[in-house]
Amino acid sequence: MPKVLDLAGRFGGVFPVWDEECLFEGCADRDWVSYKGRLRMGAIKNPERGIEKVDSAYGGDVSRLLDVCRETIVFESLEKLADCLQVR
């Protein structure tokens, strides 16, 4: 989660939060404590499914497994999204 919060903070991304209006909010200054329990953070891939995918789709090369966690960051523009995607 810290990596996702860092990327969102650096590129102006926001997260879905649990509230009555289903709004999107940013985590100002990467301070997510006030959002604890409200952020809709994604789940981590089931380990058995990860092993299965590495074996069946990637020939045992675990470095190709890139979707271990699923997070949602919403950006105001394609430019900001593209900038974020270029970070390694």
N, C-alpha and C. Protein backbone atom coordinates (compact mmCIF):
# COMPACT_ATOMS: atom_id res chain seq x y z
N MET A 1 0.80 -1.19 0.00
CA MET A 1 0.00 0.00 0.00
C MET A 1 0.85 1.27 0.00
N PRO A 2 1.99 1.33 0.69
CA PRO A 2 2.77 2.56 0.66
C PRO A 2 3.19 2.98 -0.75
N LYS A 3 3.52 2.02 -1.61
CA LYS A 3 3.92 2.35 -2.99
C LYS A 3 2.75 3.00 -3.73
N VAL A 4 1.57 2.48 -3.58
CA VAL A 4 0.38 3.02 -4.25
C VAL A 4 0.08 4.42 -3.74
N LEU A 5 0.18 4.61 -2.43
CA LEU A 5 -0.07 5.94 -1.86
C LEU A 5 0.97 6.94 -2.36
N ASP A 6 2.22 6.49 -2.47
CA ASP A 6 3.28 7.36 -2.96
C ASP A 6 3.00 7.77 -4.41
N LEU A 7 2.67 6.83 -5.26
CA LEU A 7 2.40 7.14 -6.66
C LEU A 7 1.21 8.08 -6.80
N ALA A 8 0.17 7.82 -6.05
CA ALA A 8 -1.01 8.70 -6.11
C ALA A 8 -0.64 10.11 -5.66
N GLY A 9 0.11 10.21 -4.58
CA GLY A 9 0.50 11.51 -4.08
C GLY A 9 1.38 12.28 -5.06
N ARG A 10 2.28 11.59 -5.72
CA ARG A 10 3.21 12.23 -6.66
C ARG A 10 2.52 12.70 -7.93
N PHE A 11 1.46 12.02 -8.34
CA PHE A 11 0.85 12.32 -9.63
C PHE A 11 -0.61 12.77 -9.54
N GLY A 12 -1.03 13.15 -8.34
CA GLY A 12 -2.38 13.71 -8.17
C GLY A 12 -3.50 12.70 -8.28
N GLY A 13 -3.21 11.44 -8.00
CA GLY A 13 -4.24 10.41 -8.06
C GLY A 13 -5.12 10.41 -6.82
N VAL A 14 -6.31 9.89 -6.97
CA VAL A 14 -7.24 9.77 -5.86
C VAL A 14 -7.74 8.33 -5.78
N PHE A 15 -8.35 8.01 -4.64
CA PHE A 15 -8.83 6.65 -4.38
C PHE A 15 -10.33 6.63 -4.14
N PRO A 16 -10.98 5.51 -4.47
CA PRO A 16 -12.38 5.37 -4.06
C PRO A 16 -12.44 5.21 -2.55
N VAL A 17 -13.38 5.87 -1.91
CA VAL A 17 -13.54 5.75 -0.46
C VAL A 17 -14.96 5.30 -0.14
N TRP A 18 -15.10 4.59 0.97
CA TRP A 18 -16.41 4.15 1.42
C TRP A 18 -17.11 5.31 2.11
N ASP A 19 -18.16 5.78 1.54
CA ASP A 19 -19.02 6.75 2.21
C ASP A 19 -20.38 6.70 1.53
N GLU A 20 -21.29 7.49 1.99
CA GLU A 20 -22.67 7.43 1.47
C GLU A 20 -22.80 7.86 0.02
N GLU A 21 -21.83 8.63 -0.49
CA GLU A 21 -21.93 9.11 -1.87
C GLU A 21 -20.96 8.43 -2.82
N CYS A 22 -20.16 7.49 -2.36
CA CYS A 22 -19.18 6.78 -3.17
C CYS A 22 -18.27 7.76 -3.90
N LEU A 23 -17.62 8.62 -3.14
CA LEU A 23 -16.75 9.66 -3.70
C LEU A 23 -15.33 9.15 -3.91
N PHE A 24 -14.54 9.96 -4.59
CA PHE A 24 -13.11 9.70 -4.74
C PHE A 24 -12.38 10.81 -4.01
N GLU A 25 -11.36 10.46 -3.25
CA GLU A 25 -10.61 11.44 -2.49
C GLU A 25 -9.12 11.15 -2.60
N GLY A 26 -8.33 12.20 -2.51
CA GLY A 26 -6.88 12.05 -2.47
C GLY A 26 -6.41 11.91 -1.05
N CYS A 27 -5.22 11.42 -0.89
CA CYS A 27 -4.60 11.32 0.43
C CYS A 27 -3.55 12.42 0.50
N ALA A 28 -3.92 13.54 1.05
CA ALA A 28 -3.02 14.69 1.11
C ALA A 28 -1.74 14.34 1.85
N ASP A 29 -0.62 14.74 1.27
CA ASP A 29 0.68 14.51 1.88
C ASP A 29 0.92 13.06 2.26
N ARG A 30 0.31 12.17 1.53
CA ARG A 30 0.45 10.73 1.76
C ARG A 30 0.03 10.33 3.17
N ASP A 31 -0.83 11.12 3.79
CA ASP A 31 -1.31 10.84 5.14
C ASP A 31 -2.61 10.06 5.02
N TRP A 32 -2.52 8.74 5.05
CA TRP A 32 -3.70 7.92 4.84
C TRP A 32 -4.39 7.51 6.13
N VAL A 33 -3.85 7.91 7.27
CA VAL A 33 -4.43 7.50 8.56
C VAL A 33 -5.89 7.92 8.66
N SER A 34 -6.23 9.14 8.22
CA SER A 34 -7.62 9.59 8.32
C SER A 34 -8.54 8.83 7.37
N TYR A 35 -7.97 8.10 6.43
CA TYR A 35 -8.78 7.32 5.48
C TYR A 35 -8.88 5.86 5.87
N LYS A 36 -8.16 5.48 6.92
CA LYS A 36 -8.13 4.07 7.33
C LYS A 36 -9.55 3.55 7.54
N GLY A 37 -9.86 2.44 6.92
CA GLY A 37 -11.18 1.85 7.02
C GLY A 37 -12.14 2.35 5.96
N ARG A 38 -11.75 3.42 5.24
CA ARG A 38 -12.64 3.95 4.20
C ARG A 38 -12.08 3.75 2.79
N LEU A 39 -10.76 3.58 2.67
CA LEU A 39 -10.18 3.37 1.35
C LEU A 39 -10.60 2.01 0.81
N ARG A 40 -10.93 1.96 -0.45
CA ARG A 40 -11.26 0.69 -1.09
C ARG A 40 -10.01 0.14 -1.75
N MET A 41 -9.11 -0.36 -0.95
CA MET A 41 -7.87 -0.90 -1.46
C MET A 41 -8.10 -2.32 -1.96
N GLY A 42 -7.38 -2.68 -3.01
CA GLY A 42 -7.55 -3.98 -3.62
C GLY A 42 -6.96 -5.10 -2.79
N ALA A 43 -7.31 -6.29 -3.15
CA ALA A 43 -6.83 -7.48 -2.44
C ALA A 43 -5.53 -7.98 -3.06
N ILE A 44 -4.82 -8.78 -2.31
CA ILE A 44 -3.61 -9.42 -2.81
C ILE A 44 -4.02 -10.73 -3.48
N LYS A 45 -3.37 -11.03 -4.61
CA LYS A 45 -3.67 -12.27 -5.34
C LYS A 45 -3.48 -13.48 -4.43
N ASN A 46 -4.40 -14.40 -4.52
CA ASN A 46 -4.32 -15.65 -3.78
C ASN A 46 -3.00 -16.34 -4.15
N PRO A 47 -2.20 -16.76 -3.16
CA PRO A 47 -0.91 -17.38 -3.47
C PRO A 47 -1.02 -18.60 -4.38
N GLU A 48 -2.04 -19.43 -4.17
CA GLU A 48 -2.21 -20.61 -5.02
C GLU A 48 -2.43 -20.20 -6.47
N ARG A 49 -3.21 -19.14 -6.70
CA ARG A 49 -3.46 -18.66 -8.06
C ARG A 49 -2.18 -18.09 -8.67
N GLY A 50 -1.38 -17.41 -7.85
CA GLY A 50 -0.11 -16.87 -8.34
C GLY A 50 0.82 -17.98 -8.80
N ILE A 51 0.93 -19.03 -7.99
CA ILE A 51 1.79 -20.17 -8.36
C ILE A 51 1.28 -20.82 -9.64
N GLU A 52 -0.02 -21.00 -9.71
CA GLU A 52 -0.62 -21.61 -10.90
C GLU A 52 -0.31 -20.78 -12.15
N LYS A 53 -0.44 -19.48 -12.05
CA LYS A 53 -0.19 -18.60 -13.19
C LYS A 53 1.28 -18.63 -13.61
N VAL A 54 2.18 -18.61 -12.63
CA VAL A 54 3.62 -18.68 -12.94
C VAL A 54 3.93 -19.97 -13.66
N ASP A 55 3.37 -21.08 -13.19
CA ASP A 55 3.64 -22.38 -13.81
C ASP A 55 3.02 -22.49 -15.20
N SER A 56 1.75 -22.09 -15.34
CA SER A 56 1.05 -22.34 -16.60
C SER A 56 1.30 -21.27 -17.67
N ALA A 57 1.44 -20.03 -17.27
CA ALA A 57 1.54 -18.96 -18.27
C ALA A 57 2.95 -18.42 -18.45
N TYR A 58 3.80 -18.54 -17.43
CA TYR A 58 5.11 -17.90 -17.48
C TYR A 58 6.27 -18.87 -17.41
N GLY A 59 6.01 -20.16 -17.60
CA GLY A 59 7.08 -21.15 -17.64
C GLY A 59 7.97 -21.15 -16.40
N GLY A 60 7.40 -20.84 -15.24
CA GLY A 60 8.16 -20.85 -14.01
C GLY A 60 8.91 -19.56 -13.71
N ASP A 61 8.82 -18.57 -14.59
CA ASP A 61 9.52 -17.30 -14.39
C ASP A 61 8.68 -16.37 -13.52
N VAL A 62 8.94 -16.39 -12.21
CA VAL A 62 8.15 -15.62 -11.26
C VAL A 62 8.27 -14.11 -11.47
N SER A 63 9.34 -13.66 -12.11
CA SER A 63 9.52 -12.22 -12.33
C SER A 63 8.48 -11.65 -13.30
N ARG A 64 7.79 -12.51 -14.02
CA ARG A 64 6.76 -12.04 -14.96
C ARG A 64 5.40 -11.84 -14.30
N LEU A 65 5.25 -12.26 -13.07
CA LEU A 65 3.99 -12.09 -12.34
C LEU A 65 3.91 -10.66 -11.81
N LEU A 66 3.13 -9.84 -12.47
CA LEU A 66 3.09 -8.41 -12.16
C LEU A 66 1.81 -7.98 -11.45
N ASP A 67 0.80 -8.79 -11.45
CA ASP A 67 -0.49 -8.38 -10.87
C ASP A 67 -0.72 -9.04 -9.51
N VAL A 68 0.25 -8.89 -8.61
CA VAL A 68 0.15 -9.50 -7.29
C VAL A 68 -0.88 -8.78 -6.43
N CYS A 69 -0.94 -7.46 -6.56
CA CYS A 69 -1.97 -6.72 -5.82
C CYS A 69 -2.76 -5.87 -6.81
N ARG A 70 -3.99 -5.61 -6.44
CA ARG A 70 -4.87 -4.84 -7.31
C ARG A 70 -5.30 -3.58 -6.58
N GLU A 71 -4.85 -2.45 -7.07
CA GLU A 71 -5.20 -1.18 -6.47
C GLU A 71 -5.84 -0.30 -7.54
N THR A 72 -6.64 0.65 -7.11
CA THR A 72 -7.29 1.58 -8.02
C THR A 72 -6.84 2.99 -7.68
N ILE A 73 -6.23 3.65 -8.65
CA ILE A 73 -5.90 5.07 -8.54
C ILE A 73 -6.60 5.75 -9.70
N VAL A 74 -7.33 6.80 -9.41
CA VAL A 74 -8.05 7.54 -10.44
C VAL A 74 -7.32 8.86 -10.68
N PHE A 75 -7.06 9.17 -11.95
CA PHE A 75 -6.36 10.39 -12.32
C PHE A 75 -7.28 11.34 -13.06
N GLU A 76 -6.99 12.64 -12.95
CA GLU A 76 -7.80 13.66 -13.62
C GLU A 76 -7.54 13.72 -15.12
N SER A 77 -6.39 13.25 -15.55
CA SER A 77 -6.05 13.35 -16.98
C SER A 77 -5.24 12.14 -17.42
N LEU A 78 -5.25 11.89 -18.71
CA LEU A 78 -4.44 10.81 -19.27
C LEU A 78 -2.96 11.13 -19.11
N GLU A 79 -2.61 12.40 -19.15
CA GLU A 79 -1.21 12.80 -19.00
C GLU A 79 -0.67 12.38 -17.63
N LYS A 80 -1.45 12.63 -16.58
CA LYS A 80 -1.02 12.24 -15.23
C LYS A 80 -0.95 10.73 -15.10
N LEU A 81 -1.89 10.02 -15.71
CA LEU A 81 -1.86 8.56 -15.70
C LEU A 81 -0.60 8.07 -16.41
N ALA A 82 -0.30 8.62 -17.58
CA ALA A 82 0.88 8.22 -18.34
C ALA A 82 2.16 8.49 -17.56
N ASP A 83 2.23 9.64 -16.90
CA ASP A 83 3.41 9.97 -16.08
C ASP A 83 3.60 8.94 -14.98
N CYS A 84 2.52 8.55 -14.34
CA CYS A 84 2.58 7.57 -13.26
C CYS A 84 3.04 6.21 -13.80
N LEU A 85 2.52 5.82 -14.95
CA LEU A 85 2.86 4.51 -15.51
C LEU A 85 4.32 4.41 -15.94
N GLN A 86 4.97 5.55 -16.16
CA GLN A 86 6.37 5.53 -16.59
C GLN A 86 7.34 5.33 -15.43
N VAL A 87 6.85 5.43 -14.19
CA VAL A 87 7.70 5.24 -13.02
C VAL A 87 8.00 3.77 -12.85
N ARG A 88 9.23 3.47 -12.54
CA ARG A 88 9.62 2.06 -12.31
C ARG A 88 9.80 1.80 -10.84
